[in-house]
Amino acid sequence: MTDQYNTPTFIRKLQEGDAEAWQEFDEQYRLKILAYLRQMGVSAEDAEDIYHEALVKALQRIDRFEPTGHFDRWVRRIAVNQCID
């Protein structure tokens, strides 16, 4: 089964700034990414802040993302890097 949020078509919508696509992504992956951060030992409050910072960075850098990749993993990596920084 293909993840509709990691298809080249959906990624193009994100790259074009489609607000509805960004909202769909947030609704689908927010809790998963927050849970991952919490497993790393990040507090709930800090995890929320890091997640939102990661989304902003993803939006700013969306032109660097290759549509053949997994966008959710890319955002999660940005969030993890926020923890390291």
C-alpha atoms as a PDB file:
ATOM      1  CA  MET A   1       0.000   0.000   0.000  1.00  0.00           C
ATOM      2  CA  THR A   2       1.373   3.409  -0.994  1.00  0.00           C
ATOM      3  CA  ASP A   3       1.444   6.191   1.565  1.00  0.00           C
ATOM      4  CA  GLN A   4      -0.464   9.025  -0.126  1.00  0.00           C
ATOM      5  CA  TYR A   5       1.533  11.570   1.863  1.00  0.00           C
ATOM      6  CA  ASN A   6       4.838  10.461   0.368  1.00  0.00           C
ATOM      7  CA  THR A   7       3.880  10.395  -3.299  1.00  0.00           C
ATOM      8  CA  PRO A   8       5.503  12.756  -5.802  1.00  0.00           C
ATOM      9  CA  THR A   9       2.072  14.311  -6.447  1.00  0.00           C
ATOM     10  CA  PHE A  10       1.517  15.152  -2.790  1.00  0.00           C
ATOM     11  CA  ILE A  11       5.094  16.405  -2.401  1.00  0.00           C
ATOM     12  CA  ARG A  12       4.574  18.729  -5.383  1.00  0.00           C
ATOM     13  CA  LYS A  13       1.508  20.167  -3.626  1.00  0.00           C
ATOM     14  CA  LEU A  14       3.646  20.869  -0.577  1.00  0.00           C
ATOM     15  CA  GLN A  15       6.360  22.447  -2.727  1.00  0.00           C
ATOM     16  CA  GLU A  16       3.738  24.661  -4.382  1.00  0.00           C
ATOM     17  CA  GLY A  17       2.650  25.910  -0.944  1.00  0.00           C
ATOM     18  CA  ASP A  18      -0.737  24.181  -0.883  1.00  0.00           C
ATOM     19  CA  ALA A  19      -2.029  25.027   2.625  1.00  0.00           C
ATOM     20  CA  GLU A  20      -4.492  22.136   2.606  1.00  0.00           C
ATOM     21  CA  ALA A  21      -1.675  19.679   1.831  1.00  0.00           C
ATOM     22  CA  TRP A  22       0.390  21.056   4.726  1.00  0.00           C
ATOM     23  CA  GLN A  23      -2.615  20.691   7.024  1.00  0.00           C
ATOM     24  CA  GLU A  24      -3.174  17.099   5.855  1.00  0.00           C
ATOM     25  CA  PHE A  25       0.474  16.299   6.513  1.00  0.00           C
ATOM     26  CA  ASP A  26       0.260  17.845   9.985  1.00  0.00           C
ATOM     27  CA  GLU A  27      -2.887  15.889  10.832  1.00  0.00           C
ATOM     28  CA  GLN A  28      -1.347  12.623   9.618  1.00  0.00           C
ATOM     29  CA  TYR A  29       2.153  12.873  11.110  1.00  0.00           C
ATOM     30  CA  ARG A  30       2.152  15.321  14.019  1.00  0.00           C
ATOM     31  CA  LEU A  31       1.437  12.744  16.721  1.00  0.00           C
ATOM     32  CA  LYS A  32       3.864  10.226  15.215  1.00  0.00           C
ATOM     33  CA  ILE A  33       6.712  12.712  15.143  1.00  0.00           C
ATOM     34  CA  LEU A  34       5.868  13.961  18.633  1.00  0.00           C
ATOM     35  CA  ALA A  35       5.898  10.365  19.912  1.00  0.00           C
ATOM     36  CA  TYR A  36       9.304   9.811  18.314  1.00  0.00           C
ATOM     37  CA  LEU A  37      10.667  12.915  20.017  1.00  0.00           C
ATOM     38  CA  ARG A  38       9.195  11.824  23.346  1.00  0.00           C
ATOM     39  CA  GLN A  39      10.914   8.431  22.954  1.00  0.00           C
ATOM     40  CA  MET A  40      14.155  10.372  22.634  1.00  0.00           C
ATOM     41  CA  GLY A  41      13.492  11.835  26.079  1.00  0.00           C
ATOM     42  CA  VAL A  42      12.200  15.231  24.971  1.00  0.00           C
ATOM     43  CA  SER A  43       9.523  16.748  27.214  1.00  0.00           C
ATOM     44  CA  ALA A  44       6.017  17.097  25.772  1.00  0.00           C
ATOM     45  CA  GLU A  45       6.253  20.882  25.721  1.00  0.00           C
ATOM     46  CA  ASP A  46       9.668  20.891  24.066  1.00  0.00           C
ATOM     47  CA  ALA A  47       8.543  18.242  21.558  1.00  0.00           C
ATOM     48  CA  GLU A  48       5.686  20.519  20.427  1.00  0.00           C
ATOM     49  CA  ASP A  49       8.088  23.441  19.992  1.00  0.00           C
ATOM     50  CA  ILE A  50      10.614  21.317  18.122  1.00  0.00           C
ATOM     51  CA  TYR A  51       7.934  19.868  15.858  1.00  0.00           C
ATOM     52  CA  HIS A  52       6.652  23.319  14.913  1.00  0.00           C
ATOM     53  CA  GLU A  53      10.191  24.596  14.309  1.00  0.00           C
ATOM     54  CA  ALA A  54      10.832  21.548  12.106  1.00  0.00           C
ATOM     55  CA  LEU A  55       7.715  22.283  10.039  1.00  0.00           C
ATOM     56  CA  VAL A  56       8.820  25.877   9.544  1.00  0.00           C
ATOM     57  CA  LYS A  57      12.273  24.712   8.439  1.00  0.00           C
ATOM     58  CA  ALA A  58      10.713  22.122   6.130  1.00  0.00           C
ATOM     59  CA  LEU A  59       8.557  24.811   4.557  1.00  0.00           C
ATOM     60  CA  GLN A  60      11.572  27.073   4.102  1.00  0.00           C
ATOM     61  CA  ARG A  61      13.643  24.264   2.568  1.00  0.00           C
ATOM     62  CA  ILE A  62      10.968  22.387   0.645  1.00  0.00           C
ATOM     63  CA  ASP A  63      12.687  23.183  -2.647  1.00  0.00           C
ATOM     64  CA  ARG A  64      15.637  21.010  -1.509  1.00  0.00           C
ATOM     65  CA  PHE A  65      13.478  17.930  -0.952  1.00  0.00           C
ATOM     66  CA  GLU A  66      13.518  15.225  -3.623  1.00  0.00           C
ATOM     67  CA  PRO A  67       9.927  14.117  -4.417  1.00  0.00           C
ATOM     68  CA  THR A  68      11.034  10.484  -4.545  1.00  0.00           C
ATOM     69  CA  GLY A  69      11.930  10.496  -0.832  1.00  0.00           C
ATOM     70  CA  HIS A  70       9.813  10.083   2.288  1.00  0.00           C
ATOM     71  CA  PHE A  71       8.745  13.548   3.367  1.00  0.00           C
ATOM     72  CA  ASP A  72       7.680  12.423   6.835  1.00  0.00           C
ATOM     73  CA  ARG A  73      11.127  10.981   7.483  1.00  0.00           C
ATOM     74  CA  TRP A  74      12.732  14.196   6.239  1.00  0.00           C
ATOM     75  CA  VAL A  75      10.652  16.305   8.651  1.00  0.00           C
ATOM     76  CA  ARG A  76      11.409  13.862  11.465  1.00  0.00           C
ATOM     77  CA  ARG A  77      15.146  14.180  10.703  1.00  0.00           C
ATOM     78  CA  ILE A  78      14.849  17.977  10.838  1.00  0.00           C
ATOM     79  CA  ALA A  79      13.145  17.636  14.238  1.00  0.00           C
ATOM     80  CA  VAL A  80      15.862  15.297  15.511  1.00  0.00           C
ATOM     81  CA  ASN A  81      18.520  17.728  14.327  1.00  0.00           C
ATOM     82  CA  GLN A  82      16.696  20.482  16.257  1.00  0.00           C
ATOM     83  CA  CYS A  83      17.197  18.371  19.399  1.00  0.00           C
ATOM     84  CA  ILE A  84      20.903  18.026  18.697  1.00  0.00           C
ATOM     85  CA  ASP A  85      21.383  21.724  18.018  1.00  0.00           C
END
